[in-house]
Amino acid sequence: MPKFDHHIFICTNERDESATRPSCLPQGSKKLKSAFKDAIKETGLKHHIRANESGCLDQCEHGPVVVIYPEAVWYGNVHVCDVEEIVTEHLLHNRPVERLRLPDTCLNTEHCPHKPATKHK
């Protein structure tokens, strides 16, 4: 079998309700995995794209979060109703869905306008 063309990682991390940051699982990320798998199968891409659950992707304030490799396109606030558009536009036509794309300024940084302010000691 040839290698996969794309890997989709869907955060399914769950934190305690008392945590200071939200988590993706309570926001419906488990349903996202099923929706991606169904959409991939329906478009005939099952042997080319792999949808995987992921632990925390450290973009908790943007959840549910999805990242697609090898392009490293990060999507935030993704819901089941967005899956078909991501599969069709991004994975079939190589056009990332800009309305869901996380800004680069929020990735791999401690300071993002969506994260709560942290106190410095």
PDB file of N, CA and C in Angstrom:
ATOM      1  N   MET A   1       0.844  -1.175   0.000  1.00  0.00           N
ATOM      2  CA  MET A   1       0.000   0.000   0.000  1.00  0.00           C
ATOM      3  C   MET A   1       0.894   1.244   0.000  1.00  0.00           C
ATOM      4  N   PRO A   2       0.601   2.248  -0.834  1.00  0.00           N
ATOM      5  CA  PRO A   2       1.402   3.468  -0.849  1.00  0.00           C
ATOM      6  C   PRO A   2       1.192   4.272   0.430  1.00  0.00           C
ATOM      7  N   LYS A   3       2.123   5.157   0.708  1.00  0.00           N
ATOM      8  CA  LYS A   3       1.983   5.999   1.898  1.00  0.00           C
ATOM      9  C   LYS A   3       0.814   6.965   1.720  1.00  0.00           C
ATOM     10  N   PHE A   4       0.349   7.514   2.821  1.00  0.00           N
ATOM     11  CA  PHE A   4      -0.773   8.462   2.782  1.00  0.00           C
ATOM     12  C   PHE A   4      -0.303   9.811   2.259  1.00  0.00           C
ATOM     13  N   ASP A   5      -1.159  10.476   1.509  1.00  0.00           N
ATOM     14  CA  ASP A   5      -0.862  11.811   1.002  1.00  0.00           C
ATOM     15  C   ASP A   5      -1.060  12.881   2.076  1.00  0.00           C
ATOM     16  N   HIS A   6      -2.035  12.645   2.947  1.00  0.00           N
ATOM     17  CA  HIS A   6      -2.344  13.592   4.020  1.00  0.00           C
ATOM     18  C   HIS A   6      -2.638  12.837   5.315  1.00  0.00           C
ATOM     19  N   HIS A   7      -2.304  13.490   6.409  1.00  0.00           N
ATOM     20  CA  HIS A   7      -2.692  13.018   7.736  1.00  0.00           C
ATOM     21  C   HIS A   7      -3.480  14.143   8.396  1.00  0.00           C
ATOM     22  N   ILE A   8      -4.627  13.789   8.931  1.00  0.00           N
ATOM     23  CA  ILE A   8      -5.464  14.737   9.657  1.00  0.00           C
ATOM     24  C   ILE A   8      -5.383  14.358  11.133  1.00  0.00           C
ATOM     25  N   PHE A   9      -4.992  15.319  11.957  1.00  0.00           N
ATOM     26  CA  PHE A   9      -4.943  15.096  13.399  1.00  0.00           C
ATOM     27  C   PHE A   9      -6.040  15.927  14.048  1.00  0.00           C
ATOM     28  N   ILE A  10      -6.898  15.250  14.806  1.00  0.00           N
ATOM     29  CA  ILE A  10      -8.045  15.869  15.451  1.00  0.00           C
ATOM     30  C   ILE A  10      -7.838  15.776  16.951  1.00  0.00           C
ATOM     31  N   CYS A  11      -7.735  16.927  17.598  1.00  0.00           N
ATOM     32  CA  CYS A  11      -7.509  16.926  19.042  1.00  0.00           C
ATOM     33  C   CYS A  11      -8.729  16.357  19.756  1.00  0.00           C
ATOM     34  N   THR A  12      -8.487  15.354  20.596  1.00  0.00           N
ATOM     35  CA  THR A  12      -9.558  14.787  21.421  1.00  0.00           C
ATOM     36  C   THR A  12      -9.172  14.853  22.901  1.00  0.00           C
ATOM     37  N   ASN A  13      -8.343  15.824  23.235  1.00  0.00           N
ATOM     38  CA  ASN A  13      -7.907  15.980  24.618  1.00  0.00           C
ATOM     39  C   ASN A  13      -9.072  16.413  25.501  1.00  0.00           C
ATOM     40  N   GLU A  14      -9.061  15.911  26.733  1.00  0.00           N
ATOM     41  CA  GLU A  14     -10.099  16.295  27.696  1.00  0.00           C
ATOM     42  C   GLU A  14      -9.431  16.670  29.013  1.00  0.00           C
ATOM     43  N   ARG A  15      -9.697  17.861  29.464  1.00  0.00           N
ATOM     44  CA  ARG A  15      -9.207  18.342  30.753  1.00  0.00           C
ATOM     45  C   ARG A  15     -10.343  18.303  31.766  1.00  0.00           C
ATOM     46  N   ASP A  16      -9.957  18.370  33.010  1.00  0.00           N
ATOM     47  CA  ASP A  16     -10.924  18.492  34.090  1.00  0.00           C
ATOM     48  C   ASP A  16     -11.687  19.805  33.917  1.00  0.00           C
ATOM     49  N   GLU A  17     -12.935  19.827  34.286  1.00  0.00           N
ATOM     50  CA  GLU A  17     -13.755  21.030  34.139  1.00  0.00           C
ATOM     51  C   GLU A  17     -13.191  22.229  34.886  1.00  0.00           C
ATOM     52  N   SER A  18     -12.397  21.994  35.918  1.00  0.00           N
ATOM     53  CA  SER A  18     -11.835  23.096  36.705  1.00  0.00           C
ATOM     54  C   SER A  18     -10.544  23.654  36.098  1.00  0.00           C
ATOM     55  N   ALA A  19     -10.087  23.091  34.995  1.00  0.00           N
ATOM     56  CA  ALA A  19      -8.844  23.551  34.361  1.00  0.00           C
ATOM     57  C   ALA A  19      -8.997  24.989  33.864  1.00  0.00           C
ATOM     58  N   THR A  20      -7.880  25.695  33.796  1.00  0.00           N
ATOM     59  CA  THR A  20      -7.913  27.088  33.356  1.00  0.00           C
ATOM     60  C   THR A  20      -8.066  27.224  31.847  1.00  0.00           C
ATOM     61  N   ARG A  21      -7.766  26.168  31.117  1.00  0.00           N
ATOM     62  CA  ARG A  21      -7.908  26.200  29.657  1.00  0.00           C
ATOM     63  C   ARG A  21      -8.979  25.196  29.238  1.00  0.00           C
ATOM     64  N   PRO A  22      -9.688  25.475  28.162  1.00  0.00           N
ATOM     65  CA  PRO A  22     -10.702  24.524  27.684  1.00  0.00           C
ATOM     66  C   PRO A  22     -10.036  23.307  27.032  1.00  0.00           C
ATOM     67  N   SER A  23     -10.829  22.355  26.659  1.00  0.00           N
ATOM     68  CA  SER A  23     -10.310  21.203  25.923  1.00  0.00           C
ATOM     69  C   SER A  23     -11.272  20.863  24.788  1.00  0.00           C
ATOM     70  N   CYS A  24     -10.758  20.115  23.831  1.00  0.00           N
ATOM     71  CA  CYS A  24     -11.505  19.884  22.585  1.00  0.00           C
ATOM     72  C   CYS A  24     -12.584  18.806  22.687  1.00  0.00           C
ATOM     73  N   LEU A  25     -12.357  17.766  23.468  1.00  0.00           N
ATOM     74  CA  LEU A  25     -13.312  16.659  23.500  1.00  0.00           C
ATOM     75  C   LEU A  25     -14.727  17.102  23.866  1.00  0.00           C
ATOM     76  N   PRO A  26     -14.901  17.901  24.924  1.00  0.00           N
ATOM     77  CA  PRO A  26     -16.267  18.324  25.255  1.00  0.00           C
ATOM     78  C   PRO A  26     -16.921  19.208  24.192  1.00  0.00           C
ATOM     79  N   GLN A  27     -16.131  19.697  23.244  1.00  0.00           N
ATOM     80  CA  GLN A  27     -16.658  20.560  22.191  1.00  0.00           C
ATOM     81  C   GLN A  27     -16.999  19.770  20.928  1.00  0.00           C
ATOM     82  N   GLY A  28     -16.952  18.436  21.017  1.00  0.00           N
ATOM     83  CA  GLY A  28     -17.414  17.602  19.915  1.00  0.00           C
ATOM     84  C   GLY A  28     -16.356  17.031  19.002  1.00  0.00           C
ATOM     85  N   SER A  29     -15.107  16.999  19.443  1.00  0.00           N
ATOM     86  CA  SER A  29     -14.053  16.526  18.541  1.00  0.00           C
ATOM     87  C   SER A  29     -14.138  15.033  18.227  1.00  0.00           C
ATOM     88  N   LYS A  30     -14.727  14.239  19.082  1.00  0.00           N
ATOM     89  CA  LYS A  30     -14.871  12.807  18.787  1.00  0.00           C
ATOM     90  C   LYS A  30     -15.768  12.606  17.560  1.00  0.00           C
ATOM     91  N   LYS A  31     -16.813  13.424  17.462  1.00  0.00           N
ATOM     92  CA  LYS A  31     -17.711  13.353  16.304  1.00  0.00           C
ATOM     93  C   LYS A  31     -16.997  13.806  15.041  1.00  0.00           C
ATOM     94  N   LEU A  32     -16.027  14.709  15.189  1.00  0.00           N
ATOM     95  CA  LEU A  32     -15.258  15.168  14.032  1.00  0.00           C
ATOM     96  C   LEU A  32     -14.488  14.029  13.390  1.00  0.00           C
ATOM     97  N   LYS A  33     -13.879  13.191  14.207  1.00  0.00           N
ATOM     98  CA  LYS A  33     -13.105  12.074  13.661  1.00  0.00           C
ATOM     99  C   LYS A  33     -14.009  11.194  12.800  1.00  0.00           C
ATOM    100  N   SER A  34     -15.169  10.840  13.309  1.00  0.00           N
ATOM    101  CA  SER A  34     -16.104  10.007  12.550  1.00  0.00           C
ATOM    102  C   SER A  34     -16.542  10.699  11.270  1.00  0.00           C
ATOM    103  N   ALA A  35     -16.801  11.995  11.359  1.00  0.00           N
ATOM    104  CA  ALA A  35     -17.240  12.743  10.178  1.00  0.00           C
ATOM    105  C   ALA A  35     -16.131  12.797   9.128  1.00  0.00           C
ATOM    106  N   PHE A  36     -14.889  13.004   9.557  1.00  0.00           N
ATOM    107  CA  PHE A  36     -13.777  13.006   8.601  1.00  0.00           C
ATOM    108  C   PHE A  36     -13.630  11.632   7.955  1.00  0.00           C
ATOM    109  N   LYS A  37     -13.694  10.576   8.748  1.00  0.00           N
ATOM    110  CA  LYS A  37     -13.559   9.225   8.191  1.00  0.00           C
ATOM    111  C   LYS A  37     -14.661   8.945   7.161  1.00  0.00           C
ATOM    112  N   ASP A  38     -15.887   9.325   7.480  1.00  0.00           N
ATOM    113  CA  ASP A  38     -16.998   9.123   6.546  1.00  0.00           C
ATOM    114  C   ASP A  38     -16.799   9.925   5.265  1.00  0.00           C
ATOM    115  N   ALA A  39     -16.418  11.196   5.394  1.00  0.00           N
ATOM    116  CA  ALA A  39     -16.232  12.053   4.221  1.00  0.00           C
ATOM    117  C   ALA A  39     -15.076  11.558   3.352  1.00  0.00           C
ATOM    118  N   ILE A  40     -14.024  11.086   3.982  1.00  0.00           N
ATOM    119  CA  ILE A  40     -12.871  10.559   3.243  1.00  0.00           C
ATOM    120  C   ILE A  40     -13.282   9.319   2.457  1.00  0.00           C
ATOM    121  N   LYS A  41     -14.033   8.453   3.105  1.00  0.00           N
ATOM    122  CA  LYS A  41     -14.503   7.234   2.429  1.00  0.00           C
ATOM    123  C   LYS A  41     -15.433   7.575   1.260  1.00  0.00           C
ATOM    124  N   GLU A  42     -16.367   8.513   1.497  1.00  0.00           N
ATOM    125  CA  GLU A  42     -17.337   8.898   0.468  1.00  0.00           C
ATOM    126  C   GLU A  42     -16.673   9.530  -0.759  1.00  0.00           C
ATOM    127  N   THR A  43     -15.553  10.196  -0.561  1.00  0.00           N
ATOM    128  CA  THR A  43     -14.866  10.838  -1.688  1.00  0.00           C
ATOM    129  C   THR A  43     -13.848   9.913  -2.352  1.00  0.00           C
ATOM    130  N   GLY A  44     -13.754   8.668  -1.867  1.00  0.00           N
ATOM    131  CA  GLY A  44     -12.832   7.706  -2.465  1.00  0.00           C
ATOM    132  C   GLY A  44     -11.377   7.923  -2.098  1.00  0.00           C
ATOM    133  N   LEU A  45     -11.138   8.631  -1.005  1.00  0.00           N
ATOM    134  CA  LEU A  45      -9.770   8.953  -0.606  1.00  0.00           C
ATOM    135  C   LEU A  45      -9.254   8.098   0.554  1.00  0.00           C
ATOM    136  N   LYS A  46      -9.978   7.050   0.879  1.00  0.00           N
ATOM    137  CA  LYS A  46      -9.658   6.245   2.059  1.00  0.00           C
ATOM    138  C   LYS A  46      -8.205   5.770   2.100  1.00  0.00           C
ATOM    139  N   HIS A  47      -7.636   5.422   0.989  1.00  0.00           N
ATOM    140  CA  HIS A  47      -6.264   4.906   0.977  1.00  0.00           C
ATOM    141  C   HIS A  47      -5.217   5.994   0.776  1.00  0.00           C
ATOM    142  N   HIS A  48      -5.674   7.248   0.748  1.00  0.00           N
ATOM    143  CA  HIS A  48      -4.759   8.368   0.528  1.00  0.00           C
ATOM    144  C   HIS A  48      -4.692   9.331   1.703  1.00  0.00           C
ATOM    145  N   ILE A  49      -5.725   9.301   2.551  1.00  0.00           N
ATOM    146  CA  ILE A  49      -5.805  10.233   3.672  1.00  0.00           C
ATOM    147  C   ILE A  49      -6.120   9.454   4.937  1.00  0.00           C
ATOM    148  N   ARG A  50      -5.417   9.808   6.003  1.00  0.00           N
ATOM    149  CA  ARG A  50      -5.626   9.140   7.286  1.00  0.00           C
ATOM    150  C   ARG A  50      -6.098  10.159   8.313  1.00  0.00           C
ATOM    151  N   ALA A  51      -7.223   9.904   8.956  1.00  0.00           N
ATOM    152  CA  ALA A  51      -7.737  10.751  10.034  1.00  0.00           C
ATOM    153  C   ALA A  51      -7.401  10.088  11.361  1.00  0.00           C
ATOM    154  N   ASN A  52      -6.720  10.837  12.226  1.00  0.00           N
ATOM    155  CA  ASN A  52      -6.253  10.307  13.507  1.00  0.00           C
ATOM    156  C   ASN A  52      -6.706  11.180  14.664  1.00  0.00           C
ATOM    157  N   GLU A  53      -6.992  10.535  15.791  1.00  0.00           N
ATOM    158  CA  GLU A  53      -7.197  11.277  17.036  1.00  0.00           C
ATOM    159  C   GLU A  53      -5.834  11.723  17.523  1.00  0.00           C
ATOM    160  N   SER A  54      -5.826  12.852  18.196  1.00  0.00           N
ATOM    161  CA  SER A  54      -4.588  13.381  18.751  1.00  0.00           C
ATOM    162  C   SER A  54      -4.823  13.788  20.192  1.00  0.00           C
ATOM    163  N   GLY A  55      -3.764  13.788  20.946  1.00  0.00           N
ATOM    164  CA  GLY A  55      -3.795  14.406  22.264  1.00  0.00           C
ATOM    165  C   GLY A  55      -3.769  15.910  22.066  1.00  0.00           C
ATOM    166  N   CYS A  56      -3.483  16.628  23.127  1.00  0.00           N
ATOM    167  CA  CYS A  56      -3.502  18.082  23.096  1.00  0.00           C
ATOM    168  C   CYS A  56      -2.540  18.634  22.039  1.00  0.00           C
ATOM    169  N   LEU A  57      -3.046  19.548  21.228  1.00  0.00           N
ATOM    170  CA  LEU A  57      -2.239  20.224  20.208  1.00  0.00           C
ATOM    171  C   LEU A  57      -1.864  21.638  20.659  1.00  0.00           C
ATOM    172  N   ASP A  58      -2.166  21.964  21.909  1.00  0.00           N
ATOM    173  CA  ASP A  58      -1.826  23.235  22.544  1.00  0.00           C
ATOM    174  C   ASP A  58      -2.440  24.445  21.845  1.00  0.00           C
ATOM    175  N   GLN A  59      -3.612  24.256  21.314  1.00  0.00           N
ATOM    176  CA  GLN A  59      -4.381  25.356  20.717  1.00  0.00           C
ATOM    177  C   GLN A  59      -5.784  25.354  21.339  1.00  0.00           C
ATOM    178  N   CYS A  60      -5.818  25.124  22.627  1.00  0.00           N
ATOM    179  CA  CYS A  60      -7.051  24.841  23.354  1.00  0.00           C
ATOM    180  C   CYS A  60      -8.135  25.909  23.208  1.00  0.00           C
ATOM    181  N   GLU A  61      -7.738  27.169  23.137  1.00  0.00           N
ATOM    182  CA  GLU A  61      -8.711  28.243  23.025  1.00  0.00           C
ATOM    183  C   GLU A  61      -9.355  28.302  21.643  1.00  0.00           C
ATOM    184  N   HIS A  62      -8.863  27.514  20.720  1.00  0.00           N
ATOM    185  CA  HIS A  62      -9.379  27.496  19.359  1.00  0.00           C
ATOM    186  C   HIS A  62     -10.144  26.211  19.046  1.00  0.00           C
ATOM    187  N   GLY A  63     -10.440  25.422  20.056  1.00  0.00           N
ATOM    188  CA  GLY A  63     -10.984  24.105  19.833  1.00  0.00           C
ATOM    189  C   GLY A  63     -12.427  24.080  19.378  1.00  0.00           C
ATOM    190  N   PRO A  64     -12.796  22.989  18.777  1.00  0.00           N
ATOM    191  CA  PRO A  64     -11.972  21.847  18.405  1.00  0.00           C
ATOM    192  C   PRO A  64     -10.945  22.209  17.317  1.00  0.00           C
ATOM    193  N   VAL A  65      -9.758  21.629  17.461  1.00  0.00           N
ATOM    194  CA  VAL A  65      -8.630  21.924  16.580  1.00  0.00           C
ATOM    195  C   VAL A  65      -8.313  20.723  15.699  1.00  0.00           C
ATOM    196  N   VAL A  66      -7.983  21.030  14.438  1.00  0.00           N
ATOM    197  CA  VAL A  66      -7.603  20.019  13.453  1.00  0.00           C
ATOM    198  C   VAL A  66      -6.366  20.549  12.744  1.00  0.00           C
ATOM    199  N   VAL A  67      -5.377  19.672  12.523  1.00  0.00           N
ATOM    200  CA  VAL A  67      -4.214  20.062  11.732  1.00  0.00           C
ATOM    201  C   VAL A  67      -4.030  19.026  10.627  1.00  0.00           C
ATOM    202  N   ILE A  68      -3.705  19.505   9.436  1.00  0.00           N
ATOM    203  CA  ILE A  68      -3.527  18.621   8.286  1.00  0.00           C
ATOM    204  C   ILE A  68      -2.089  18.723   7.797  1.00  0.00           C
ATOM    205  N   TYR A  69      -1.460  17.566   7.718  1.00  0.00           N
ATOM    206  CA  TYR A  69      -0.090  17.463   7.203  1.00  0.00           C
ATOM    207  C   TYR A  69      -0.096  16.699   5.901  1.00  0.00           C
ATOM    208  N   PRO A  70       0.840  16.975   4.983  1.00  0.00           N
ATOM    209  CA  PRO A  70       2.130  17.599   5.229  1.00  0.00           C
ATOM    210  C   PRO A  70       2.134  19.119   5.146  1.00  0.00           C
ATOM    211  N   GLU A  71       1.022  19.765   4.817  1.00  0.00           N
ATOM    212  CA  GLU A  71       1.024  21.215   4.665  1.00  0.00           C
ATOM    213  C   GLU A  71       1.113  21.978   5.978  1.00  0.00           C
ATOM    214  N   ALA A  72       0.796  21.322   7.092  1.00  0.00           N
ATOM    215  CA  ALA A  72       0.748  21.956   8.410  1.00  0.00           C
ATOM    216  C   ALA A  72      -0.262  23.104   8.426  1.00  0.00           C
ATOM    217  N   VAL A  73      -1.460  22.816   7.928  1.00  0.00           N
ATOM    218  CA  VAL A  73      -2.552  23.786   7.966  1.00  0.00           C
ATOM    219  C   VAL A  73      -3.363  23.498   9.228  1.00  0.00           C
ATOM    220  N   TRP A  74      -3.467  24.511  10.075  1.00  0.00           N
ATOM    221  CA  TRP A  74      -4.176  24.405  11.341  1.00  0.00           C
ATOM    222  C   TRP A  74      -5.549  25.047  11.213  1.00  0.00           C
ATOM    223  N   TYR A  75      -6.566  24.304  11.662  1.00  0.00           N
ATOM    224  CA  TYR A  75      -7.931  24.806  11.672  1.00  0.00           C
ATOM    225  C   TYR A  75      -8.437  24.866  13.102  1.00  0.00           C
ATOM    226  N   GLY A  76      -9.212  25.915  13.405  1.00  0.00           N
ATOM    227  CA  GLY A  76      -9.788  26.055  14.735  1.00  0.00           C
ATOM    228  C   GLY A  76     -11.287  26.217  14.688  1.00  0.00           C
ATOM    229  N   ASN A  77     -11.909  25.903  15.811  1.00  0.00           N
ATOM    230  CA  ASN A  77     -13.362  25.983  15.944  1.00  0.00           C
ATOM    231  C   ASN A  77     -14.055  25.178  14.850  1.00  0.00           C
ATOM    232  N   VAL A  78     -13.535  23.988  14.612  1.00  0.00           N
ATOM    233  CA  VAL A  78     -14.063  23.119  13.561  1.00  0.00           C
ATOM    234  C   VAL A  78     -15.248  22.325  14.121  1.00  0.00           C
ATOM    235  N   HIS A  79     -16.297  22.270  13.328  1.00  0.00           N
ATOM    236  CA  HIS A  79     -17.487  21.512  13.709  1.00  0.00           C
ATOM    237  C   HIS A  79     -17.831  20.525  12.595  1.00  0.00           C
ATOM    238  N   VAL A  80     -18.663  19.577  12.911  1.00  0.00           N
ATOM    239  CA  VAL A  80     -19.026  18.536  11.955  1.00  0.00           C
ATOM    240  C   VAL A  80     -19.515  19.140  10.641  1.00  0.00           C
ATOM    241  N   CYS A  81     -20.235  20.235  10.715  1.00  0.00           N
ATOM    242  CA  CYS A  81     -20.756  20.865   9.489  1.00  0.00           C
ATOM    243  C   CYS A  81     -19.643  21.443   8.609  1.00  0.00           C
ATOM    244  N   ASP A  82     -18.412  21.553   9.116  1.00  0.00           N
ATOM    245  CA  ASP A  82     -17.269  22.069   8.346  1.00  0.00           C
ATOM    246  C   ASP A  82     -16.476  20.978   7.638  1.00  0.00           C
ATOM    247  N   VAL A  83     -16.690  19.741   8.013  1.00  0.00           N
ATOM    248  CA  VAL A  83     -15.859  18.639   7.532  1.00  0.00           C
ATOM    249  C   VAL A  83     -15.938  18.474   6.012  1.00  0.00           C
ATOM    250  N   GLU A  84     -17.121  18.469   5.468  1.00  0.00           N
ATOM    251  CA  GLU A  84     -17.272  18.286   4.016  1.00  0.00           C
ATOM    252  C   GLU A  84     -16.505  19.362   3.247  1.00  0.00           C
ATOM    253  N   GLU A  85     -16.586  20.601   3.718  1.00  0.00           N
ATOM    254  CA  GLU A  85     -15.877  21.697   3.054  1.00  0.00           C
ATOM    255  C   GLU A  85     -14.360  21.504   3.138  1.00  0.00           C
ATOM    256  N   ILE A  86     -13.854  21.091   4.277  1.00  0.00           N
ATOM    257  CA  ILE A  86     -12.413  20.858   4.423  1.00  0.00           C
ATOM    258  C   ILE A  86     -11.960  19.732   3.496  1.00  0.00           C
ATOM    259  N   VAL A  87     -12.715  18.644   3.476  1.00  0.00           N
ATOM    260  CA  VAL A  87     -12.336  17.507   2.624  1.00  0.00           C
ATOM    261  C   VAL A  87     -12.397  17.905   1.151  1.00  0.00           C
ATOM    262  N   THR A  88     -13.473  18.557   0.751  1.00  0.00           N
ATOM    263  CA  THR A  88     -13.621  18.932  -0.659  1.00  0.00           C
ATOM    264  C   THR A  88     -12.616  19.999  -1.076  1.00  0.00           C
ATOM    265  N   GLU A  89     -12.578  21.090  -0.340  1.00  0.00           N
ATOM    266  CA  GLU A  89     -11.728  22.214  -0.740  1.00  0.00           C
ATOM    267  C   GLU A  89     -10.244  21.940  -0.496  1.00  0.00           C
ATOM    268  N   HIS A  90      -9.912  21.539   0.716  1.00  0.00           N
ATOM    269  CA  HIS A  90      -8.499  21.365   1.047  1.00  0.00           C
ATOM    270  C   HIS A  90      -7.916  20.072   0.483  1.00  0.00           C
ATOM    271  N   LEU A  91      -8.564  18.968   0.767  1.00  0.00           N
ATOM    272  CA  LEU A  91      -7.969  17.673   0.427  1.00  0.00           C
ATOM    273  C   LEU A  91      -8.178  17.265  -1.031  1.00  0.00           C
ATOM    274  N   LEU A  92      -9.293  17.647  -1.628  1.00  0.00           N
ATOM    275  CA  LEU A  92      -9.512  17.327  -3.044  1.00  0.00           C
ATOM    276  C   LEU A  92      -8.945  18.391  -3.987  1.00  0.00           C
ATOM    277  N   HIS A  93      -9.116  19.669  -3.611  1.00  0.00           N
ATOM    278  CA  HIS A  93      -8.761  20.751  -4.526  1.00  0.00           C
ATOM    279  C   HIS A  93      -7.554  21.579  -4.071  1.00  0.00           C
ATOM    280  N   ASN A  94      -6.931  21.184  -2.963  1.00  0.00           N
ATOM    281  CA  ASN A  94      -5.714  21.839  -2.469  1.00  0.00           C
ATOM    282  C   ASN A  94      -5.915  23.337  -2.196  1.00  0.00           C
ATOM    283  N   ARG A  95      -7.109  23.676  -1.668  1.00  0.00           N
ATOM    284  CA  ARG A  95      -7.419  25.058  -1.306  1.00  0.00           C
ATOM    285  C   ARG A  95      -7.832  25.079   0.168  1.00  0.00           C
ATOM    286  N   PRO A  96      -6.908  25.427   1.068  1.00  0.00           N
ATOM    287  CA  PRO A  96      -7.274  25.478   2.483  1.00  0.00           C
ATOM    288  C   PRO A  96      -8.490  26.376   2.718  1.00  0.00           C
ATOM    289  N   VAL A  97      -9.263  26.028   3.707  1.00  0.00           N
ATOM    290  CA  VAL A  97     -10.480  26.766   4.052  1.00  0.00           C
ATOM    291  C   VAL A  97     -10.066  27.920   4.970  1.00  0.00           C
ATOM    292  N   GLU A  98      -9.906  29.088   4.387  1.00  0.00           N
ATOM    293  CA  GLU A  98      -9.349  30.238   5.104  1.00  0.00           C
ATOM    294  C   GLU A  98     -10.198  30.682   6.288  1.00  0.00           C
ATOM    295  N   ARG A  99     -11.502  30.562   6.201  1.00  0.00           N
ATOM    296  CA  ARG A  99     -12.359  31.033   7.298  1.00  0.00           C
ATOM    297  C   ARG A  99     -12.150  30.241   8.590  1.00  0.00           C
ATOM    298  N   LEU A 100     -11.598  29.030   8.475  1.00  0.00           N
ATOM    299  CA  LEU A 100     -11.350  28.188   9.654  1.00  0.00           C
ATOM    300  C   LEU A 100      -9.873  28.138  10.042  1.00  0.00           C
ATOM    301  N   ARG A 101      -9.036  28.659   9.200  1.00  0.00           N
ATOM    302  CA  ARG A 101      -7.590  28.554   9.407  1.00  0.00           C
ATOM    303  C   ARG A 101      -7.146  29.418  10.579  1.00  0.00           C
ATOM    304  N   LEU A 102      -6.300  28.837  11.438  1.00  0.00           N
ATOM    305  CA  LEU A 102      -5.754  29.590  12.561  1.00  0.00           C
ATOM    306  C   LEU A 102      -4.642  30.504  12.065  1.00  0.00           C
ATOM    307  N   PRO A 103      -4.591  31.734  12.565  1.00  0.00           N
ATOM    308  CA  PRO A 103      -3.523  32.636  12.150  1.00  0.00           C
ATOM    309  C   PRO A 103      -2.168  32.128  12.649  1.00  0.00           C
ATOM    310  N   ASP A 104      -1.147  32.320  11.848  1.00  0.00           N
ATOM    311  CA  ASP A 104       0.202  31.905  12.247  1.00  0.00           C
ATOM    312  C   ASP A 104       0.621  32.542  13.563  1.00  0.00           C
ATOM    313  N   THR A 105       0.111  33.726  13.860  1.00  0.00           N
ATOM    314  CA  THR A 105       0.475  34.422  15.091  1.00  0.00           C
ATOM    315  C   THR A 105      -0.050  33.717  16.346  1.00  0.00           C
ATOM    316  N   CYS A 106      -0.957  32.768  16.178  1.00  0.00           N
ATOM    317  CA  CYS A 106      -1.484  32.020  17.317  1.00  0.00           C
ATOM    318  C   CYS A 106      -0.816  30.656  17.487  1.00  0.00           C
ATOM    319  N   LEU A 107       0.015  30.270  16.549  1.00  0.00           N
ATOM    320  CA  LEU A 107       0.631  28.946  16.593  1.00  0.00           C
ATOM    321  C   LEU A 107       2.000  28.994  17.254  1.00  0.00           C
ATOM    322  N   ASN A 108       2.230  28.034  18.141  1.00  0.00           N
ATOM    323  CA  ASN A 108       3.536  27.860  18.775  1.00  0.00           C
ATOM    324  C   ASN A 108       3.997  29.131  19.481  1.00  0.00           C
ATOM    325  N   THR A 109       3.079  29.776  20.162  1.00  0.00           N
ATOM    326  CA  THR A 109       3.400  30.997  20.887  1.00  0.00           C
ATOM    327  C   THR A 109       2.638  31.032  22.208  1.00  0.00           C
ATOM    328  N   GLU A 110       3.233  31.692  23.178  1.00  0.00           N
ATOM    329  CA  GLU A 110       2.553  31.842  24.470  1.00  0.00           C
ATOM    330  C   GLU A 110       1.547  32.981  24.430  1.00  0.00           C
ATOM    331  N   HIS A 111       1.720  33.891  23.497  1.00  0.00           N
ATOM    332  CA  HIS A 111       0.883  35.087  23.447  1.00  0.00           C
ATOM    333  C   HIS A 111       0.013  35.081  22.192  1.00  0.00           C
ATOM    334  N   CYS A 112      -1.239  34.871  22.417  1.00  0.00           N
ATOM    335  CA  CYS A 112      -2.241  34.873  21.348  1.00  0.00           C
ATOM    336  C   CYS A 112      -3.440  35.622  21.907  1.00  0.00           C
ATOM    337  N   PRO A 113      -4.114  36.417  21.119  1.00  0.00           N
ATOM    338  CA  PRO A 113      -5.253  37.168  21.651  1.00  0.00           C
ATOM    339  C   PRO A 113      -6.375  36.282  22.188  1.00  0.00           C
ATOM    340  N   HIS A 114      -6.355  34.999  21.849  1.00  0.00           N
ATOM    341  CA  HIS A 114      -7.406  34.088  22.291  1.00  0.00           C
ATOM    342  C   HIS A 114      -7.079  33.393  23.604  1.00  0.00           C
ATOM    343  N   LYS A 115      -5.807  33.461  24.015  1.00  0.00           N
ATOM    344  CA  LYS A 115      -5.381  32.809  25.262  1.00  0.00           C
ATOM    345  C   LYS A 115      -5.553  33.774  26.429  1.00  0.00           C
ATOM    346  N   PRO A 116      -5.912  33.232  27.579  1.00  0.00           N
ATOM    347  CA  PRO A 116      -6.019  34.116  28.757  1.00  0.00           C
ATOM    348  C   PRO A 116      -4.641  34.644  29.108  1.00  0.00           C
ATOM    349  N   ALA A 117      -4.619  35.849  29.626  1.00  0.00           N
ATOM    350  CA  ALA A 117      -3.357  36.461  30.048  1.00  0.00           C
ATOM    351  C   ALA A 117      -2.737  35.642  31.179  1.00  0.00           C
ATOM    352  N   THR A 118      -1.443  35.454  31.108  1.00  0.00           N
ATOM    353  CA  THR A 118      -0.743  34.720  32.158  1.00  0.00           C
ATOM    354  C   THR A 118      -0.024  35.701  33.055  1.00  0.00           C
ATOM    355  N   LYS A 119       0.024  35.377  34.323  1.00  0.00           N
ATOM    356  CA  LYS A 119       0.718  36.224  35.283  1.00  0.00           C
ATOM    357  C   LYS A 119       2.185  35.859  35.312  1.00  0.00           C
ATOM    358  N   HIS A 120       3.024  36.869  35.285  1.00  0.00           N
ATOM    359  CA  HIS A 120       4.463  36.657  35.357  1.00  0.00           C
ATOM    360  C   HIS A 120       4.921  36.776  36.803  1.00  0.00           C
ATOM    361  N   LYS A 121       5.820  35.898  37.186  1.00  0.00           N
ATOM    362  CA  LYS A 121       6.324  35.913  38.568  1.00  0.00           C
ATOM    363  C   LYS A 121       7.559  36.762  38.669  1.00  0.00           C
TER     364      LYS A 121
END
